[in-house]
Structures are given as C-alpha cells and as structure tokens.
C-alpha cells in the first residue's frame, strides 16, 4: 500500500521557526523582515537590527547624529516595530555606533571574515523532520568547529 506524499511546505515557514529557535524567542525572525516597514527607509539605511538579547534589540547605527536622533525616537521605533510583529518582543533598544559609515551597508564579499560568534549551547530541533534536523545538526557542528579555529 502506497502512502500519499506529504503536502509541500514553504521553506520560509520552516526556516522562520528554526531562526526563532536560534534567536531564543518565538517570532524573533520577523524583526528583520519587519524592520524597514516599521522604521521607514530613511532610518533603515542608517540603522540595522543586530540581535535580540532577551527583550532588548541591539541596533547598529551609522553615525553619532543618527544615534542621538534614534535615542529620542526609541519609544516610537519600539512601538512601530512591535506593531509589525506577531507578538510584542521588543521592550528596549540598545544602540551601537558603527563608526565611519554614512549608511549601514551589507558586508563586502572580499572583506576579511569577522570573528565567528559562539554557537548556541542548546537548540531544540526535536520538532523538525529527520532530514532537516540532520542538516541543522551538521550546520551547528561546522559552526562549533569554525568558532574553535578563529
């Protein structure tokens, strides 16, 4: 007897769940997708979310004047960002100055690799299908090896 194949699943929904687990908060991956819509293109060119630490979003800012401006806008940015998320995840913003840039730009491909951050100590992959779970285990193992080398 042949069993029907499972219905196709959008890879984005699977990866969002995995990214949420790595970020440590359900829905946290949505912060990066919602950032520009929440803050607008002018701010998004000069500030990028880096990571969510607990309920504090760490944001890289391109210059001291923009950092001062965003410091004053923190309550509005937080409210707009949370309004664009499935659940309110951000209670505070921690602004970090990225010196020497007028705007935040993606890293150049020929730039030297930055120090690899440590991999998470434990990520629950139990809810994933076996092939995807094996892929993520291999990814985390490679991450651990790279972190030890650098």
N, C-alpha and C. Protein backbone atom coordinates (compact mmCIF):
# COMPACT_ATOMS: atom_id res chain seq x y z
N UNK A 1 0.84 -1.18 0.00
CA UNK A 1 0.00 0.00 0.00
C UNK A 1 0.88 1.24 0.00
N UNK A 2 0.61 2.12 -0.88
CA UNK A 2 1.41 3.33 -1.02
C UNK A 2 0.78 4.46 -0.22
N UNK A 3 1.61 5.11 0.60
CA UNK A 3 1.13 6.24 1.39
C UNK A 3 1.25 7.51 0.57
N UNK A 4 0.29 8.41 0.71
CA UNK A 4 0.38 9.67 -0.04
C UNK A 4 1.55 10.50 0.46
N UNK A 5 2.17 11.22 -0.45
CA UNK A 5 3.26 12.11 -0.08
C UNK A 5 2.71 13.26 0.73
N UNK A 6 3.51 13.74 1.70
CA UNK A 6 3.03 14.90 2.46
C UNK A 6 2.92 16.12 1.55
N UNK A 7 2.04 17.01 1.90
CA UNK A 7 1.87 18.23 1.12
C UNK A 7 3.14 19.06 1.19
N UNK A 8 3.49 19.75 0.12
CA UNK A 8 4.68 20.61 0.15
C UNK A 8 4.54 21.69 1.23
N UNK A 9 5.67 22.01 1.82
CA UNK A 9 5.70 23.03 2.87
C UNK A 9 6.62 24.16 2.40
N UNK A 10 6.20 25.38 2.63
CA UNK A 10 7.00 26.54 2.28
C UNK A 10 8.27 26.55 3.14
N UNK A 11 9.44 26.58 2.50
CA UNK A 11 10.71 26.56 3.22
C UNK A 11 10.84 27.76 4.15
N UNK A 12 10.24 28.89 3.76
CA UNK A 12 10.29 30.08 4.61
C UNK A 12 9.67 29.85 5.97
N UNK A 13 8.57 29.10 6.02
CA UNK A 13 7.93 28.84 7.31
C UNK A 13 8.80 27.93 8.17
N UNK A 14 9.48 26.98 7.55
CA UNK A 14 10.36 26.09 8.31
C UNK A 14 11.56 26.88 8.83
N UNK A 15 12.18 27.67 7.96
CA UNK A 15 13.37 28.43 8.38
C UNK A 15 13.04 29.48 9.43
N UNK A 16 11.87 30.12 9.31
CA UNK A 16 11.48 31.10 10.33
C UNK A 16 11.41 30.45 11.70
N UNK A 17 10.81 29.28 11.75
CA UNK A 17 10.75 28.57 13.03
C UNK A 17 12.12 28.23 13.57
N UNK A 18 13.03 27.81 12.68
CA UNK A 18 14.40 27.49 13.10
C UNK A 18 15.12 28.74 13.57
N UNK A 19 14.98 29.84 12.83
CA UNK A 19 15.63 31.09 13.23
C UNK A 19 15.07 31.58 14.56
N UNK A 20 13.78 31.42 14.76
CA UNK A 20 13.19 31.79 16.05
C UNK A 20 13.82 31.00 17.18
N UNK A 21 14.03 29.70 16.93
CA UNK A 21 14.63 28.87 17.99
C UNK A 21 16.06 29.31 18.29
N UNK A 22 16.82 29.62 17.24
CA UNK A 22 18.20 30.08 17.43
C UNK A 22 18.21 31.42 18.15
N UNK A 23 17.29 32.33 17.75
CA UNK A 23 17.21 33.65 18.40
C UNK A 23 16.67 33.55 19.81
N UNK A 24 16.02 32.44 20.14
CA UNK A 24 15.56 32.23 21.51
C UNK A 24 14.18 32.75 21.81
N UNK A 25 13.49 33.31 20.83
CA UNK A 25 12.16 33.87 21.05
C UNK A 25 11.26 33.49 19.89
N UNK A 26 10.08 32.96 20.16
CA UNK A 26 9.14 32.73 19.06
C UNK A 26 8.81 34.05 18.37
N UNK A 27 8.90 34.06 17.07
CA UNK A 27 8.59 35.26 16.30
C UNK A 27 9.76 36.21 16.10
N UNK A 28 10.92 35.93 16.69
CA UNK A 28 12.05 36.86 16.62
C UNK A 28 12.57 37.06 15.21
N UNK A 29 12.49 36.06 14.35
CA UNK A 29 12.97 36.21 12.97
C UNK A 29 12.19 37.29 12.23
N UNK A 30 10.98 37.55 12.64
CA UNK A 30 10.15 38.57 11.98
C UNK A 30 10.71 39.97 12.16
N UNK A 31 11.54 40.19 13.17
CA UNK A 31 12.10 41.53 13.40
C UNK A 31 12.85 42.01 12.17
N UNK A 32 13.68 41.14 11.58
CA UNK A 32 14.49 41.53 10.43
C UNK A 32 13.62 41.75 9.19
N UNK A 33 12.56 40.96 9.05
CA UNK A 33 11.66 41.15 7.91
C UNK A 33 10.84 42.43 8.06
N UNK A 34 10.49 42.81 9.28
CA UNK A 34 9.61 43.95 9.51
C UNK A 34 10.36 45.26 9.72
N UNK A 35 11.67 45.21 9.87
CA UNK A 35 12.45 46.39 10.26
C UNK A 35 12.18 47.60 9.37
N UNK A 36 12.38 47.49 8.06
CA UNK A 36 12.23 48.66 7.19
C UNK A 36 10.80 49.18 7.18
N UNK A 37 9.83 48.30 7.18
CA UNK A 37 8.43 48.75 7.20
C UNK A 37 8.11 49.47 8.50
N UNK A 38 8.72 49.05 9.59
CA UNK A 38 8.45 49.65 10.89
C UNK A 38 9.13 51.00 11.07
N UNK A 39 10.38 51.12 10.60
CA UNK A 39 11.14 52.35 10.85
C UNK A 39 11.19 53.29 9.66
N UNK A 40 10.86 52.78 8.48
CA UNK A 40 10.92 53.59 7.27
C UNK A 40 12.28 53.48 6.60
N UNK A 41 12.33 53.78 5.30
CA UNK A 41 13.59 53.58 4.55
C UNK A 41 14.72 54.50 4.98
N UNK A 42 14.40 55.72 5.42
CA UNK A 42 15.46 56.66 5.81
C UNK A 42 16.23 56.14 7.03
N UNK A 43 15.51 55.65 8.03
CA UNK A 43 16.18 55.09 9.22
C UNK A 43 16.81 53.75 8.89
N UNK A 44 16.11 52.93 8.09
CA UNK A 44 16.64 51.60 7.77
C UNK A 44 17.98 51.67 7.04
N UNK A 45 18.23 52.75 6.29
CA UNK A 45 19.52 52.91 5.62
C UNK A 45 20.63 53.23 6.61
N UNK A 46 20.27 53.68 7.79
CA UNK A 46 21.27 54.13 8.76
C UNK A 46 21.32 53.31 10.04
N UNK A 47 20.42 52.35 10.16
CA UNK A 47 20.38 51.52 11.37
C UNK A 47 19.88 50.13 11.00
N UNK A 48 20.52 49.13 11.57
CA UNK A 48 20.17 47.72 11.33
C UNK A 48 20.06 46.98 12.64
N UNK A 49 19.04 46.15 12.79
CA UNK A 49 19.00 45.29 13.98
C UNK A 49 20.12 44.25 13.89
N UNK A 50 20.79 44.03 15.02
CA UNK A 50 21.88 43.05 15.04
C UNK A 50 21.44 41.75 15.68
N UNK A 51 20.83 41.86 16.87
CA UNK A 51 20.38 40.65 17.57
C UNK A 51 19.40 41.04 18.67
N UNK A 52 18.64 40.07 19.07
CA UNK A 52 17.70 40.25 20.18
C UNK A 52 18.30 39.55 21.39
N UNK A 53 18.56 40.32 22.43
CA UNK A 53 19.11 39.76 23.67
C UNK A 53 18.01 39.91 24.72
N UNK A 54 17.35 38.79 25.03
CA UNK A 54 16.19 38.85 25.91
C UNK A 54 15.11 39.64 25.19
N UNK A 55 14.71 40.75 25.76
CA UNK A 55 13.70 41.62 25.14
C UNK A 55 14.33 42.93 24.65
N UNK A 56 15.67 42.97 24.60
CA UNK A 56 16.38 44.17 24.13
C UNK A 56 16.93 43.91 22.74
N UNK A 57 16.55 44.77 21.80
CA UNK A 57 17.04 44.66 20.44
C UNK A 57 18.28 45.54 20.30
N UNK A 58 19.38 44.93 19.90
CA UNK A 58 20.63 45.66 19.70
C UNK A 58 20.63 46.12 18.24
N UNK A 59 20.86 47.42 18.05
CA UNK A 59 20.75 48.05 16.73
C UNK A 59 22.05 48.78 16.40
N UNK A 60 22.64 48.49 15.24
CA UNK A 60 23.82 49.19 14.76
C UNK A 60 23.37 50.48 14.09
N UNK A 61 24.02 51.60 14.44
CA UNK A 61 23.67 52.92 13.91
C UNK A 61 24.91 53.50 13.22
N UNK A 62 24.69 54.17 12.08
CA UNK A 62 25.80 54.59 11.22
C UNK A 62 26.57 55.81 11.68
N UNK A 63 25.99 56.68 12.51
CA UNK A 63 26.72 57.90 12.90
C UNK A 63 26.20 58.41 14.24
N UNK A 64 27.03 59.25 14.88
CA UNK A 64 26.64 59.83 16.18
C UNK A 64 25.38 60.69 16.08
N UNK A 65 25.23 61.53 15.05
CA UNK A 65 23.98 62.30 14.97
C UNK A 65 22.74 61.40 14.83
N UNK A 66 22.87 60.35 14.03
CA UNK A 66 21.73 59.43 13.90
C UNK A 66 21.48 58.67 15.20
N UNK A 67 22.55 58.36 15.90
CA UNK A 67 22.39 57.68 17.18
C UNK A 67 21.61 58.56 18.15
N UNK A 68 21.93 59.84 18.18
CA UNK A 68 21.22 60.77 19.05
C UNK A 68 19.75 60.88 18.63
N UNK A 69 19.51 60.97 17.32
CA UNK A 69 18.14 61.05 16.81
C UNK A 69 17.34 59.80 17.19
N UNK A 70 17.96 58.64 16.99
CA UNK A 70 17.26 57.39 17.29
C UNK A 70 17.06 57.20 18.78
N UNK A 71 17.97 57.73 19.57
CA UNK A 71 17.79 57.68 21.03
C UNK A 71 16.48 58.37 21.41
N UNK A 72 16.21 59.50 20.78
CA UNK A 72 14.96 60.24 21.06
C UNK A 72 13.74 59.51 20.50
N UNK A 73 13.93 58.74 19.43
CA UNK A 73 12.82 58.04 18.79
C UNK A 73 12.59 56.62 19.30
N UNK A 74 13.38 56.20 20.29
CA UNK A 74 13.28 54.82 20.76
C UNK A 74 11.85 54.38 21.10
N UNK A 75 11.06 55.18 21.83
CA UNK A 75 9.69 54.72 22.14
C UNK A 75 8.84 54.51 20.88
N UNK A 76 8.96 55.41 19.91
CA UNK A 76 8.18 55.26 18.68
C UNK A 76 8.65 54.07 17.85
N UNK A 77 9.97 53.90 17.76
CA UNK A 77 10.51 52.76 17.00
C UNK A 77 10.06 51.45 17.63
N UNK A 78 10.19 51.36 18.94
CA UNK A 78 9.77 50.14 19.63
C UNK A 78 8.30 49.85 19.39
N UNK A 79 7.46 50.88 19.51
CA UNK A 79 6.01 50.69 19.32
C UNK A 79 5.70 50.26 17.89
N UNK A 80 6.31 50.92 16.90
CA UNK A 80 6.07 50.57 15.50
C UNK A 80 6.56 49.16 15.18
N UNK A 81 7.74 48.83 15.68
CA UNK A 81 8.29 47.50 15.42
C UNK A 81 7.39 46.43 16.02
N UNK A 82 7.00 46.59 17.28
CA UNK A 82 6.12 45.62 17.91
C UNK A 82 4.78 45.51 17.19
N UNK A 83 4.29 46.63 16.63
CA UNK A 83 3.03 46.60 15.90
C UNK A 83 3.14 45.78 14.62
N UNK A 84 4.36 45.67 14.07
CA UNK A 84 4.58 44.89 12.85
C UNK A 84 4.91 43.43 13.13
N UNK A 85 5.03 43.06 14.40
CA UNK A 85 5.39 41.69 14.77
C UNK A 85 4.16 40.91 15.22
N UNK A 86 4.21 39.58 15.14
CA UNK A 86 3.08 38.77 15.60
C UNK A 86 2.79 38.95 17.10
N UNK A 87 3.83 39.23 17.87
CA UNK A 87 3.71 39.49 19.31
C UNK A 87 4.75 40.53 19.68
N UNK A 88 4.47 41.32 20.71
CA UNK A 88 5.42 42.35 21.16
C UNK A 88 6.64 41.67 21.76
N UNK A 89 7.77 41.78 21.08
CA UNK A 89 9.00 41.13 21.52
C UNK A 89 10.03 42.11 22.05
N UNK A 90 9.93 43.37 21.66
CA UNK A 90 10.99 44.33 21.95
C UNK A 90 10.52 45.30 23.04
N UNK A 91 11.23 45.26 24.17
CA UNK A 91 10.94 46.19 25.26
C UNK A 91 11.89 47.38 25.27
N UNK A 92 13.08 47.19 24.69
CA UNK A 92 14.06 48.27 24.69
C UNK A 92 14.95 48.13 23.47
N UNK A 93 15.58 49.22 23.09
CA UNK A 93 16.57 49.23 22.02
C UNK A 93 17.91 49.64 22.62
N UNK A 94 18.97 48.94 22.25
CA UNK A 94 20.31 49.31 22.66
C UNK A 94 21.05 49.68 21.39
N UNK A 95 21.43 50.94 21.27
CA UNK A 95 22.04 51.46 20.05
C UNK A 95 23.56 51.36 20.13
N UNK A 96 24.18 50.86 19.06
CA UNK A 96 25.62 50.68 18.97
C UNK A 96 26.12 51.47 17.77
N UNK A 97 27.10 52.33 17.98
CA UNK A 97 27.64 53.14 16.91
C UNK A 97 28.58 52.31 16.04
N UNK A 98 28.36 52.35 14.73
CA UNK A 98 29.24 51.71 13.75
C UNK A 98 29.97 52.85 13.06
N UNK A 99 31.18 53.13 13.48
CA UNK A 99 31.93 54.31 13.03
C UNK A 99 32.33 54.23 11.57
N UNK A 100 32.41 55.41 10.95
CA UNK A 100 32.98 55.52 9.62
C UNK A 100 32.07 55.20 8.47
N UNK A 101 30.79 55.10 8.68
CA UNK A 101 29.87 54.82 7.58
C UNK A 101 28.73 55.82 7.60
N UNK A 102 28.37 56.30 6.43
CA UNK A 102 27.20 57.17 6.34
C UNK A 102 25.92 56.36 6.39
N UNK A 103 25.98 55.17 5.85
CA UNK A 103 24.83 54.27 5.90
C UNK A 103 25.33 52.89 6.27
N UNK A 104 24.44 52.07 6.73
CA UNK A 104 24.77 50.68 7.02
C UNK A 104 24.72 49.93 5.70
N UNK A 105 25.80 49.29 5.34
CA UNK A 105 25.85 48.55 4.08
C UNK A 105 26.12 47.09 4.37
N UNK A 106 25.67 46.21 3.48
CA UNK A 106 26.00 44.80 3.69
C UNK A 106 27.51 44.59 3.61
N UNK A 107 28.03 43.60 4.33
CA UNK A 107 29.48 43.38 4.30
C UNK A 107 29.95 43.04 2.89
N UNK A 108 31.14 43.53 2.55
CA UNK A 108 31.71 43.21 1.24
C UNK A 108 32.17 41.77 1.24
N UNK A 109 32.02 41.12 0.11
CA UNK A 109 32.40 39.71 0.00
C UNK A 109 33.92 39.52 0.10
N UNK A 110 34.69 40.54 -0.27
CA UNK A 110 36.14 40.40 -0.21
C UNK A 110 36.71 40.87 1.13
N UNK A 111 35.84 41.30 2.03
CA UNK A 111 36.30 41.74 3.35
C UNK A 111 36.70 40.52 4.18
N UNK A 112 37.69 40.67 5.07
CA UNK A 112 38.07 39.54 5.91
C UNK A 112 36.90 39.13 6.79
N UNK A 113 36.81 37.85 7.04
CA UNK A 113 35.71 37.32 7.85
C UNK A 113 35.81 37.84 9.28
N UNK A 114 34.67 38.21 9.82
CA UNK A 114 34.62 38.63 11.22
C UNK A 114 34.74 37.41 12.11
N UNK A 115 35.11 37.66 13.34
CA UNK A 115 35.21 36.56 14.30
C UNK A 115 33.86 35.86 14.42
N UNK A 116 33.90 34.57 14.35
CA UNK A 116 32.68 33.77 14.41
C UNK A 116 32.12 33.80 15.83
N UNK A 117 30.86 34.19 15.99
CA UNK A 117 30.28 34.17 17.34
C UNK A 117 30.12 32.73 17.80
N UNK A 118 30.08 32.50 19.09
CA UNK A 118 29.94 31.13 19.57
C UNK A 118 28.57 30.57 19.19
N UNK A 119 28.52 29.28 18.88
CA UNK A 119 27.23 28.67 18.55
C UNK A 119 26.37 28.57 19.80
N UNK A 120 25.07 28.45 19.64
CA UNK A 120 24.21 28.31 20.82
C UNK A 120 24.55 27.01 21.55
N UNK A 121 24.43 27.04 22.86
CA UNK A 121 24.75 25.86 23.66
C UNK A 121 23.77 24.73 23.38
N UNK A 122 22.50 25.06 23.26
CA UNK A 122 21.49 24.02 23.01
C UNK A 122 20.36 24.61 22.17
N UNK A 123 20.03 23.92 21.10
CA UNK A 123 18.90 24.31 20.26
C UNK A 123 18.01 23.08 20.13
N UNK A 124 16.75 23.22 20.44
CA UNK A 124 15.80 22.12 20.35
C UNK A 124 15.37 21.93 18.91
N UNK A 125 15.83 20.87 18.29
CA UNK A 125 15.48 20.57 16.90
C UNK A 125 14.47 19.44 16.81
N UNK A 126 13.91 19.06 17.95
CA UNK A 126 13.02 17.90 18.02
C UNK A 126 11.81 17.97 17.12
N UNK A 127 11.28 19.15 16.84
CA UNK A 127 10.07 19.25 16.04
C UNK A 127 10.31 19.23 14.54
N UNK A 128 11.57 19.11 14.12
CA UNK A 128 11.88 19.17 12.69
C UNK A 128 11.85 17.77 12.07
N UNK A 129 11.56 17.69 10.78
CA UNK A 129 11.67 16.40 10.08
C UNK A 129 13.11 15.91 10.12
N UNK A 130 13.30 14.59 10.09
CA UNK A 130 14.63 13.99 10.22
C UNK A 130 15.68 14.57 9.28
N UNK A 131 15.41 14.72 7.98
CA UNK A 131 16.47 15.25 7.10
C UNK A 131 16.86 16.69 7.46
N UNK A 132 15.89 17.51 7.81
CA UNK A 132 16.19 18.89 8.18
C UNK A 132 16.94 18.94 9.51
N UNK A 133 16.54 18.08 10.46
CA UNK A 133 17.22 18.02 11.75
C UNK A 133 18.68 17.63 11.55
N UNK A 134 18.94 16.64 10.66
CA UNK A 134 20.31 16.22 10.39
C UNK A 134 21.11 17.37 9.75
N UNK A 135 20.48 18.10 8.86
CA UNK A 135 21.17 19.24 8.22
C UNK A 135 21.55 20.29 9.25
N UNK A 136 20.62 20.62 10.15
CA UNK A 136 20.92 21.63 11.16
C UNK A 136 21.96 21.13 12.15
N UNK A 137 21.94 19.86 12.50
CA UNK A 137 22.99 19.32 13.38
C UNK A 137 24.36 19.47 12.72
N UNK A 138 24.42 19.16 11.42
CA UNK A 138 25.69 19.31 10.70
C UNK A 138 26.11 20.78 10.65
N UNK A 139 25.16 21.66 10.44
CA UNK A 139 25.45 23.09 10.42
C UNK A 139 26.01 23.56 11.76
N UNK A 140 25.37 23.16 12.87
CA UNK A 140 25.84 23.56 14.19
C UNK A 140 27.21 22.97 14.50
N UNK A 141 27.47 21.74 14.05
CA UNK A 141 28.78 21.14 14.27
C UNK A 141 29.85 21.91 13.50
N UNK A 142 29.57 22.27 12.25
CA UNK A 142 30.52 23.07 11.47
C UNK A 142 30.74 24.42 12.13
N UNK A 143 29.68 25.00 12.67
CA UNK A 143 29.76 26.29 13.37
C UNK A 143 30.68 26.16 14.58
N UNK A 144 30.51 25.07 15.35
CA UNK A 144 31.38 24.84 16.52
C UNK A 144 32.84 24.71 16.11
N UNK A 145 33.09 23.94 15.01
CA UNK A 145 34.48 23.78 14.55
C UNK A 145 35.06 25.12 14.13
N UNK A 146 34.30 25.91 13.39
CA UNK A 146 34.79 27.22 12.92
C UNK A 146 35.06 28.15 14.10
N UNK A 147 34.18 28.14 15.09
CA UNK A 147 34.37 29.00 16.27
C UNK A 147 35.64 28.62 17.02
N UNK A 148 35.98 27.32 17.05
CA UNK A 148 37.21 26.89 17.72
C UNK A 148 38.46 27.32 16.95
N UNK A 149 38.37 27.40 15.61
CA UNK A 149 39.52 27.73 14.79
C UNK A 149 39.87 29.21 14.84
N UNK A 150 38.86 30.05 15.05
CA UNK A 150 39.10 31.50 14.99
C UNK A 150 39.44 32.10 16.33
